[in-house]
Structures are given as C-alpha cells and as structure tokens.
Amino acid sequence: MSLLQVFNPFPIKIDRAEGCYIYDKTGEAFLDTFSGIGVMSFGHSHPSLLKSLKEKMDRYMHTSNFFLDEDAIFVSEKLVNFTGKNGTVYFSNSGAEATEAALKAIKKRATDKRNKIVFFENGFHGRTLGALSINGFKDLREPFEPLLPNTIELKYNDVEDLRRYFDLFGEETLAVFVEPILGSGGIVSIKPEFASLIEDLKRKYNFILVCDEVQAGLGRTGKIFSYQHFGLSPNIITIGKSIGGGLPLGGTLFLENISRAFEKGEHGSTFAPNPVALAGARFIVENIPSLLKDVEEKGNYIMQYLKEKNFEKVKEVRGKGLMIGIELKEEDPQMRVKGLQEGLLLNVLHNSVIRLLPPLNIEYNDIEKMLVKLEKVLK
C-alpha cells in the first residue's frame, strides 16, 4: 500500500454515515460512540448542516486570504461573545495549527528574562513541532527532540508541584497551557483547587493563560467552553475539531490585551479560513447554545447508568456532559474488537479508557442502544 500507515483503522469499508451510525458496504450499521473523535457534534450527514455546506459550495469553495468572507466575521464575533470578553479570532485549518498560532503569539512577547512556557503531563495540544514541544505525552515528543526550548512539563492537578515551580521560576514564566479536561489524557477534569491556584498565580505573575478547548469546547461538556466550569480566565483559547461542522477548521481566540496578537503579514494560511468550513462553523455557533442543557442532562444520564451497573471491569466513570471516560481496572487490547463485534465503534485510549464523545444531539433511543451494547462489552 502506498498510503503511509500512521493509524490503525477499523476493518470497515464505509458506504455512508448518518446520525450516530456508520454503514459498511454490506449495509451493516455500526454505532459511532466518538463522532469522528469529537468532530461531528450534530452526527453524520445532518440535513440542515449539509444544506449550509452545499449552499456555500454552490457559490464558491475557495477564494484565499485575499478576500474576506462574511461568515468569518459572523463566526468570529459569536466565538468572542461566548467568552464575555473583547477579542479577536485567527482561523486556521486544525487544532494543532491553532496551538501553533498561540505559541507564535506568545513567543513574540518573550524576553531573555521571561520566556518559559509551562504545560502539563498528559495534556495534548497537537503533533506539529511547536505543539509537540508542549505535548504532555513523552513517547510522542522524544523521537523528535530537541524541540522548542524553555518549555516546562509539570504534573497535572498536582498543587504542590505547581506551587514549587512558581516559587522558583514565576518571574520567568511567560505562559501556561492547560486542557481544563484532558482529552487524550483520559477524560480527567482539572481539580477546583488546581484551577484556583492557576488563577492566583496568574494574578501574581501576569502570565498568559492558554486554555485548549479543541476537544472539550463548543458545547461538548454542557458549556460553550469547558474552562467555564472551573473559574479559569484564559487570555488565549484554542479550538478545532467540531468548529468546521465536519470540515477542517481551527481557531485561536486572542482576548483582551492579547487581542492584537499579530501585525499584518506575521501569520497566515492559504486555505484558512476555508469558506465552506466557515459555513459549517456558522451552523455550529448558531445552533450549539440551544443544546447545552440537553448535553448536560444526557451526559448525567449516561454516567449515572454506567456507575449504577458497577461493572467488575470498570475502575471509574468520569466526565462532563457528553465527554465521558470509562476507565478499566486492567488494560484490554481487545476492547475495540469486542465493541466491533457488537456493532459498536469504540475509541479506547491506551487500552484502558473508553472515550465516549457521541453527537451532542444524540437521541435517547440511540443512547439506550449504545448503553445496551456497552453493557455487553463490559461484562
């Protein structure tokens, strides 16, 4: 095969996808529990979303950054309004590119005495070289080192580790990157005392706080942004995955005194923001707010059901909204295969945490079907 194999695909030949389901060439249906890794907030082939994309595509597909698309203005204003602050948005093609834009804006503000960038163990911010420099997975970083200098990895949710570091290097710290809810790190929420300490240190040392909302943002947890659960006040927010309605799009929100992140010509992209992806983004920002209450209620329903079952194999069920992790007591390399045998598509992190990211508009009858299948897999 000429295709470079960097992932382990399911042994399914896809014919079509609709709602929560992916259908193979034989017509067999598989319930998709992770929505293209958190991308398809409205499920596959949502009619109204497709209509928006097709209408834009019929008008034009690409014009380059020499032209300003009206949807870019609309979506950026909506995104900033969601934060309750003033700011600007830089659109990119992915979450990793959103991280790169954040890093570039931060590096622009570095000095010889203030240049350290803090990130946390098991935090995932992308695989490009800049993003990899602040990726909290050592096994992903090491083959490509040396990476960006002056990046410091600390332990997530370890108050003493964070306090100890800032006692020594607070004045030298320029920025802190954090996922309020670890995605690839196992669906682990930031502890209130850890979030509170970050805010206290931010007030004391005036560093730039970056909240990575690529996976947890845009309604996934029952709030527009996951940091809003924890009292964090970011200067920069990165988004991706679901913002394009299924098409590649990312964004970096620069807030308040960081709003003028770049001067003209300092950053850019040929393809971003793509007009068709922007049409998807417009649909997302217009329709996500009405789902937030349902997302919270459905997430609570799923977690309560799984906890009450008290599965022998399960160590913990955790998460917020429709971002749920089922941690197994022991690693099970066959868990994905077991799901497939039940017509269930599972995303299993490190063979030990089942990551559930169903569509935000999932119906209760599909939730019941998912839970029945999960029960069979977890017995």
Protein backbone atom coordinates (compact mmCIF):
# COMPACT_ATOMS: atom_id res chain seq x y z
CA MET A 1 0.00 0.00 0.00
CA SER A 2 1.32 3.45 -0.94
CA LEU A 3 -0.50 5.14 1.95
CA LEU A 4 1.76 5.85 4.94
CA GLN A 5 0.31 3.85 7.83
CA VAL A 6 0.29 6.13 10.89
CA PHE A 7 -3.03 4.99 12.32
CA ASN A 8 -4.76 1.68 12.97
CA PRO A 9 -8.06 1.89 11.04
CA PHE A 10 -11.16 -0.16 11.71
CA PRO A 11 -11.60 -3.05 9.24
CA ILE A 12 -14.70 -1.43 7.76
CA LYS A 13 -15.33 -0.32 4.18
CA ILE A 14 -17.60 2.66 4.68
CA ASP A 15 -20.55 3.13 2.37
CA ARG A 16 -22.29 6.01 4.17
CA ALA A 17 -22.84 7.60 7.57
CA GLU A 18 -25.96 9.07 9.10
CA GLY A 19 -26.70 10.30 12.62
CA CYS A 20 -24.92 8.08 15.14
CA TYR A 21 -24.25 5.33 12.61
CA ILE A 22 -21.64 4.36 10.05
CA TYR A 23 -22.76 1.80 7.44
CA ASP A 24 -20.42 -0.56 5.62
CA LYS A 25 -20.73 -1.78 2.02
CA THR A 26 -22.92 -4.70 3.12
CA GLY A 27 -25.37 -2.37 4.85
CA GLU A 28 -24.34 -3.32 8.39
CA ALA A 29 -24.72 -0.45 10.87
CA PHE A 30 -22.11 0.45 13.49
CA LEU A 31 -22.97 2.84 16.31
CA ASP A 32 -20.29 5.56 16.39
CA THR A 33 -19.63 6.49 20.03
CA PHE A 34 -16.93 9.06 19.33
CA SER A 35 -18.26 11.12 16.41
CA GLY A 36 -15.08 11.27 14.36
CA ILE A 37 -13.10 11.97 17.56
CA GLY A 38 -15.38 14.76 18.70
CA VAL A 39 -15.81 16.38 15.29
CA MET A 40 -19.40 15.58 14.34
CA SER A 41 -21.34 17.48 17.00
CA PHE A 42 -24.61 17.04 15.09
CA GLY A 43 -23.88 13.50 13.98
CA HIS A 44 -23.13 12.32 10.48
CA SER A 45 -24.89 13.87 7.48
CA HIS A 46 -27.11 16.23 9.45
CA PRO A 47 -29.54 17.57 6.82
CA SER A 48 -29.54 21.26 7.83
CA LEU A 49 -25.77 21.34 8.23
CA LEU A 50 -25.27 19.67 4.85
CA LYS A 51 -27.63 22.21 3.31
CA SER A 52 -25.49 25.07 4.66
CA LEU A 53 -22.31 23.49 3.32
CA LYS A 54 -23.78 22.76 -0.10
CA GLU A 55 -25.23 26.25 -0.48
CA LYS A 56 -21.83 27.77 0.20
CA MET A 57 -20.10 25.27 -2.10
CA ASP A 58 -22.50 26.16 -4.90
CA ARG A 59 -21.42 29.79 -4.54
CA TYR A 60 -17.67 29.18 -4.15
CA MET A 61 -15.28 26.75 -2.44
CA HIS A 62 -12.04 28.69 -2.08
CA THR A 63 -11.04 32.31 -2.59
CA SER A 64 -7.82 32.62 -0.50
CA ASN A 65 -7.00 35.14 2.21
CA PHE A 66 -7.16 37.99 -0.31
CA PHE A 67 -10.92 38.04 0.27
CA LEU A 68 -12.97 38.46 3.44
CA ASP A 69 -15.85 36.01 3.85
CA GLU A 70 -18.93 37.32 5.65
CA ASP A 71 -19.14 34.09 7.64
CA ALA A 72 -15.64 34.72 9.04
CA ILE A 73 -16.91 37.96 10.55
CA PHE A 74 -20.10 36.37 11.90
CA VAL A 75 -18.39 33.31 13.42
CA SER A 76 -15.53 35.26 14.99
CA GLU A 77 -17.96 37.68 16.64
CA LYS A 78 -20.02 34.80 18.01
CA LEU A 79 -16.95 33.00 19.36
CA VAL A 80 -15.66 36.08 21.13
CA ASN A 81 -19.12 36.86 22.52
CA PHE A 82 -19.23 33.36 24.04
CA THR A 83 -16.27 34.36 26.25
CA GLY A 84 -17.90 37.52 27.61
CA LYS A 85 -14.71 39.43 26.79
CA ASN A 86 -13.32 41.50 23.95
CA GLY A 87 -11.02 39.82 21.48
CA THR A 88 -10.12 38.65 18.00
CA VAL A 89 -10.01 35.29 16.23
CA TYR A 90 -7.37 33.84 13.95
CA PHE A 91 -8.75 30.97 11.85
CA SER A 92 -6.55 28.01 10.93
CA ASN A 93 -7.05 24.54 9.45
CA SER A 94 -6.88 22.43 12.63
CA GLY A 95 -6.46 22.36 16.39
CA ALA A 96 -2.72 21.83 16.06
CA GLU A 97 -2.47 24.94 13.88
CA ALA A 98 -4.49 26.83 16.48
CA THR A 99 -1.84 25.83 19.02
CA GLU A 100 0.91 26.98 16.65
CA ALA A 101 -0.73 30.40 16.35
CA ALA A 102 -0.96 30.66 20.14
CA LEU A 103 2.70 29.68 20.52
CA LYS A 104 3.79 32.14 17.88
CA ALA A 105 1.90 34.99 19.58
CA ILE A 106 3.45 34.01 22.91
CA LYS A 107 6.98 33.73 21.52
CA LYS A 108 6.60 37.21 20.04
CA ARG A 109 6.20 38.52 23.60
CA ALA A 110 9.16 36.63 25.08
CA THR A 111 12.22 38.33 26.53
CA ASP A 112 15.55 36.98 27.70
CA LYS A 113 14.29 37.11 31.29
CA ARG A 114 10.72 35.93 30.65
CA ASN A 115 10.44 33.05 28.23
CA LYS A 116 9.35 29.86 30.00
CA ILE A 117 6.19 28.08 28.79
CA VAL A 118 4.53 25.63 31.17
CA PHE A 119 2.46 22.64 30.07
CA PHE A 120 1.15 19.59 31.88
CA GLU A 121 1.66 15.86 31.80
CA ASN A 122 -0.95 14.06 29.66
CA GLY A 123 -2.12 17.29 28.08
CA PHE A 124 -2.46 17.00 24.31
CA HIS A 125 -2.02 20.10 22.17
CA GLY A 126 -1.10 18.66 18.77
CA ARG A 127 1.63 16.87 16.83
CA THR A 128 3.30 19.62 14.82
CA LEU A 129 6.78 20.56 16.04
CA GLY A 130 5.70 23.60 18.05
CA ALA A 131 2.66 21.87 19.51
CA LEU A 132 4.75 18.78 20.20
CA SER A 133 7.06 20.92 22.33
CA ILE A 134 4.18 21.34 24.81
CA ASN A 135 2.64 17.90 24.35
CA GLY A 136 2.35 16.08 27.66
CA PHE A 137 3.00 12.65 26.15
CA LYS A 138 6.69 11.88 26.46
CA ASP A 139 6.56 8.98 23.99
CA LEU A 140 5.26 11.34 21.28
CA ARG A 141 7.84 14.05 22.00
CA GLU A 142 11.07 12.13 22.44
CA PRO A 143 11.64 10.87 18.86
CA PHE A 144 11.64 14.48 17.62
CA GLU A 145 13.68 16.24 20.29
CA PRO A 146 15.21 18.76 20.62
CA LEU A 147 12.07 20.83 20.21
CA LEU A 148 11.29 24.39 21.32
CA PRO A 149 13.48 25.48 24.25
CA ASN A 150 12.20 26.78 27.60
CA THR A 151 9.12 24.54 27.74
CA ILE A 152 8.48 23.04 31.18
CA GLU A 153 6.34 19.98 31.89
CA LEU A 154 4.58 19.86 35.27
CA LYS A 155 2.22 17.32 36.81
CA TYR A 156 -1.47 17.85 36.11
CA ASN A 157 -3.62 18.52 39.18
CA ASP A 158 -0.55 18.49 41.49
CA VAL A 159 -0.89 21.65 43.57
CA GLU A 160 2.45 21.24 45.33
CA ASP A 161 4.35 20.66 42.09
CA LEU A 162 2.83 23.79 40.56
CA ARG A 163 3.45 25.94 43.63
CA ARG A 164 7.03 24.70 43.96
CA TYR A 165 7.80 25.56 40.33
CA PHE A 166 6.36 29.08 40.54
CA ASP A 167 8.22 29.78 43.78
CA LEU A 168 11.41 29.23 41.77
CA PHE A 169 10.53 30.44 38.27
CA GLY A 170 7.37 32.53 38.50
CA GLU A 171 9.01 35.72 37.25
CA GLU A 172 10.49 33.85 34.27
CA THR A 173 7.21 32.24 33.20
CA LEU A 174 5.57 33.75 30.14
CA ALA A 175 2.68 31.36 29.52
CA VAL A 176 0.80 28.32 30.79
CA PHE A 177 -1.04 25.87 28.50
CA VAL A 178 -3.77 23.74 30.05
CA GLU A 179 -6.60 21.45 28.98
CA PRO A 180 -9.39 22.05 31.53
CA ILE A 181 -10.47 18.48 30.78
CA LEU A 182 -7.79 16.15 29.47
CA GLY A 183 -9.00 14.53 26.24
CA SER A 184 -6.33 12.11 25.06
CA GLY A 185 -5.13 12.07 28.66
CA GLY A 186 -8.14 10.04 29.76
CA ILE A 187 -11.05 12.46 30.31
CA VAL A 188 -9.68 13.89 33.56
CA SER A 189 -11.10 17.21 34.81
CA ILE A 190 -8.96 19.86 36.38
CA LYS A 191 -9.43 19.90 40.17
CA PRO A 192 -11.02 23.07 41.58
CA GLU A 193 -8.07 23.72 43.88
CA PHE A 194 -5.63 23.36 40.95
CA ALA A 195 -7.66 25.73 38.78
CA SER A 196 -7.88 28.19 41.68
CA LEU A 197 -4.11 28.09 42.18
CA ILE A 198 -3.52 28.73 38.46
CA GLU A 199 -5.73 31.81 38.73
CA ASP A 200 -3.94 33.03 41.88
CA LEU A 201 -0.56 32.59 40.21
CA LYS A 202 -1.81 34.30 37.06
CA ARG A 203 -2.79 37.37 39.08
CA LYS A 204 0.58 37.37 40.84
CA TYR A 205 2.87 36.76 37.86
CA ASN A 206 0.69 38.02 34.97
CA PHE A 207 1.50 35.14 32.63
CA ILE A 208 -0.55 34.32 29.53
CA LEU A 209 -3.05 31.52 30.21
CA VAL A 210 -3.99 29.36 27.23
CA CYS A 211 -6.99 27.05 27.56
CA ASP A 212 -7.05 24.27 24.98
CA GLU A 213 -10.70 23.76 24.03
CA VAL A 214 -10.03 21.80 20.84
CA GLN A 215 -11.81 18.70 22.15
CA ALA A 216 -13.75 19.88 25.20
CA GLY A 217 -15.03 23.14 23.76
CA LEU A 218 -18.08 24.20 21.74
CA GLY A 219 -20.74 22.57 23.90
CA ARG A 220 -19.15 19.18 24.44
CA THR A 221 -19.25 19.47 28.26
CA GLY A 222 -22.58 21.29 28.64
CA LYS A 223 -21.00 24.74 28.47
CA ILE A 224 -19.67 26.52 25.39
CA PHE A 225 -16.13 26.20 26.75
CA SER A 226 -15.02 23.69 29.36
CA TYR A 227 -12.94 26.27 31.27
CA GLN A 228 -16.24 27.92 32.23
CA HIS A 229 -16.88 25.04 34.66
CA PHE A 230 -13.74 25.81 36.64
CA GLY A 231 -13.40 29.58 37.03
CA LEU A 232 -10.42 29.92 34.71
CA SER A 233 -9.86 33.19 32.82
CA PRO A 234 -7.79 32.48 29.71
CA ASN A 235 -6.05 35.08 27.60
CA ILE A 236 -5.98 32.70 24.64
CA ILE A 237 -8.37 29.87 23.70
CA THR A 238 -7.67 27.26 21.04
CA ILE A 239 -10.46 25.45 19.20
CA GLY A 240 -10.68 22.88 16.41
CA LYS A 241 -12.35 19.52 15.74
CA SER A 242 -16.08 20.35 15.70
CA ILE A 243 -15.93 24.03 14.73
CA GLY A 244 -16.00 23.33 10.97
CA GLY A 245 -19.09 21.11 11.12
CA GLY A 246 -17.06 18.15 9.84
CA LEU A 247 -14.62 20.07 7.64
CA PRO A 248 -11.08 21.07 8.66
CA LEU A 249 -11.07 24.33 10.62
CA GLY A 250 -9.40 25.60 13.76
CA GLY A 251 -9.28 28.88 15.59
CA THR A 252 -7.28 30.81 18.15
CA LEU A 253 -9.13 33.35 20.26
CA PHE A 254 -6.94 36.20 21.49
CA LEU A 255 -8.65 38.04 24.32
CA GLU A 256 -8.37 41.49 25.92
CA ASN A 257 -4.74 42.72 25.97
CA ILE A 258 -3.61 39.87 23.66
CA SER A 259 -6.22 40.79 21.02
CA ARG A 260 -3.65 42.32 18.69
CA ALA A 261 -1.68 39.09 18.52
CA PHE A 262 -0.04 39.71 15.15
CA GLU A 263 0.63 42.55 12.77
CA LYS A 264 -0.27 42.20 9.10
CA GLY A 265 1.92 39.63 7.39
CA GLU A 266 3.17 37.99 10.60
CA HIS A 267 0.94 34.94 10.30
CA GLY A 268 -1.44 33.42 7.77
CA SER A 269 -2.63 30.46 5.74
CA THR A 270 -3.56 29.85 2.11
CA PHE A 271 -6.57 27.73 2.97
CA ALA A 272 -7.78 29.14 6.27
CA PRO A 273 -10.47 30.04 6.80
CA ASN A 274 -11.98 27.93 4.05
CA PRO A 275 -15.37 29.36 3.02
CA VAL A 276 -17.21 26.02 3.09
CA ALA A 277 -15.80 25.16 6.52
CA LEU A 278 -16.89 28.62 7.67
CA ALA A 279 -20.45 27.82 6.59
CA GLY A 280 -20.22 24.76 8.82
CA ALA A 281 -18.84 26.91 11.64
CA ARG A 282 -21.71 29.34 11.27
CA PHE A 283 -24.18 26.48 11.68
CA ILE A 284 -22.28 25.26 14.75
CA VAL A 285 -22.13 28.59 16.60
CA GLU A 286 -25.78 29.35 15.79
CA ASN A 287 -27.10 26.00 17.00
CA ILE A 288 -24.83 24.80 19.81
CA PRO A 289 -26.23 27.10 22.54
CA SER A 290 -29.69 25.52 22.34
CA LEU A 291 -28.20 22.07 23.03
CA LEU A 292 -26.28 22.85 26.22
CA LYS A 293 -28.97 21.86 28.72
CA ASP A 294 -29.64 18.59 26.88
CA VAL A 295 -25.91 17.81 26.72
CA GLU A 296 -25.63 18.16 30.48
CA GLU A 297 -28.72 16.05 31.15
CA LYS A 298 -27.82 13.31 28.68
CA GLY A 299 -24.27 13.15 30.00
CA ASN A 300 -25.54 12.78 33.55
CA TYR A 301 -27.94 10.07 32.42
CA ILE A 302 -25.19 8.05 30.72
CA MET A 303 -22.77 8.37 33.63
CA GLN A 304 -25.39 7.50 36.23
CA TYR A 305 -26.40 4.41 34.26
CA LEU A 306 -22.82 3.21 33.93
CA LYS A 307 -21.99 3.89 37.57
CA GLU A 308 -25.08 2.08 38.85
CA LYS A 309 -24.16 -1.02 36.84
CA ASN A 310 -20.97 -1.28 38.90
CA PHE A 311 -19.16 -3.31 36.24
CA GLU A 312 -16.44 -5.57 37.60
CA LYS A 313 -14.04 -4.43 34.83
CA VAL A 314 -14.59 -0.71 35.41
CA LYS A 315 -12.46 1.34 37.78
CA GLU A 316 -14.16 4.72 37.26
CA VAL A 317 -16.68 6.57 35.12
CA ARG A 318 -15.98 10.29 34.83
CA GLY A 319 -16.50 13.33 32.64
CA LYS A 320 -18.76 16.29 31.98
CA GLY A 321 -21.63 16.49 29.53
CA LEU A 322 -21.07 14.22 26.56
CA MET A 323 -17.33 13.92 27.16
CA ILE A 324 -17.13 10.71 29.19
CA GLY A 325 -14.33 8.37 30.14
CA ILE A 326 -14.76 4.76 31.29
CA GLU A 327 -11.51 3.69 32.92
CA LEU A 328 -10.87 -0.05 33.07
CA LYS A 329 -9.18 -1.72 36.03
CA GLU A 330 -6.82 -3.51 33.65
CA GLU A 331 -5.70 -2.77 30.12
CA ASP A 332 -7.66 -4.64 27.47
CA PRO A 333 -6.10 -4.53 23.96
CA GLN A 334 -9.17 -6.37 22.63
CA MET A 335 -11.76 -3.86 23.83
CA ARG A 336 -12.08 -2.19 20.44
CA VAL A 337 -12.57 -5.60 18.75
CA LYS A 338 -15.19 -6.56 21.34
CA GLY A 339 -17.10 -3.39 20.57
CA LEU A 340 -16.92 -4.06 16.85
CA GLN A 341 -18.42 -7.50 17.37
CA GLU A 342 -21.42 -5.78 18.98
CA GLY A 343 -21.73 -3.21 16.21
CA LEU A 344 -20.19 -0.57 18.46
CA LEU A 345 -17.31 1.70 17.40
CA LEU A 346 -15.14 2.43 20.43
CA ASN A 347 -12.21 4.78 20.88
CA VAL A 348 -10.02 3.25 23.61
CA LEU A 349 -7.18 5.36 24.99
CA HIS A 350 -4.03 3.44 25.91
CA ASN A 351 -6.12 0.23 26.02
CA SER A 352 -7.56 1.39 29.33
CA VAL A 353 -10.03 4.28 28.92
CA ILE A 354 -13.08 4.15 26.65
CA ARG A 355 -13.65 7.70 25.42
CA LEU A 356 -17.29 8.48 24.68
CA LEU A 357 -17.88 11.57 22.51
CA PRO A 358 -21.31 10.94 20.97
CA PRO A 359 -23.11 13.61 18.91
CA LEU A 360 -24.41 16.44 21.07
CA ASN A 361 -27.87 15.95 19.58
CA ILE A 362 -27.94 12.19 20.20
CA GLU A 363 -31.47 10.92 20.87
CA TYR A 364 -32.31 8.90 23.98
CA ASN A 365 -33.23 5.84 21.92
CA ASP A 366 -29.70 5.82 20.49
CA ILE A 367 -28.27 6.37 23.97
CA GLU A 368 -30.18 3.27 25.13
CA LYS A 369 -28.84 1.23 22.22
CA MET A 370 -25.31 2.42 22.99
CA LEU A 371 -25.63 1.53 26.66
CA VAL A 372 -27.00 -1.94 25.92
CA LYS A 373 -24.06 -2.64 23.64
CA LEU A 374 -21.60 -1.19 26.15
CA GLU A 375 -23.04 -3.42 28.84
CA LYS A 376 -22.32 -6.49 26.73
CA VAL A 377 -18.77 -5.33 26.06
CA LEU A 378 -18.04 -4.55 29.71
CA LYS A 379 -19.44 -7.77 31.21
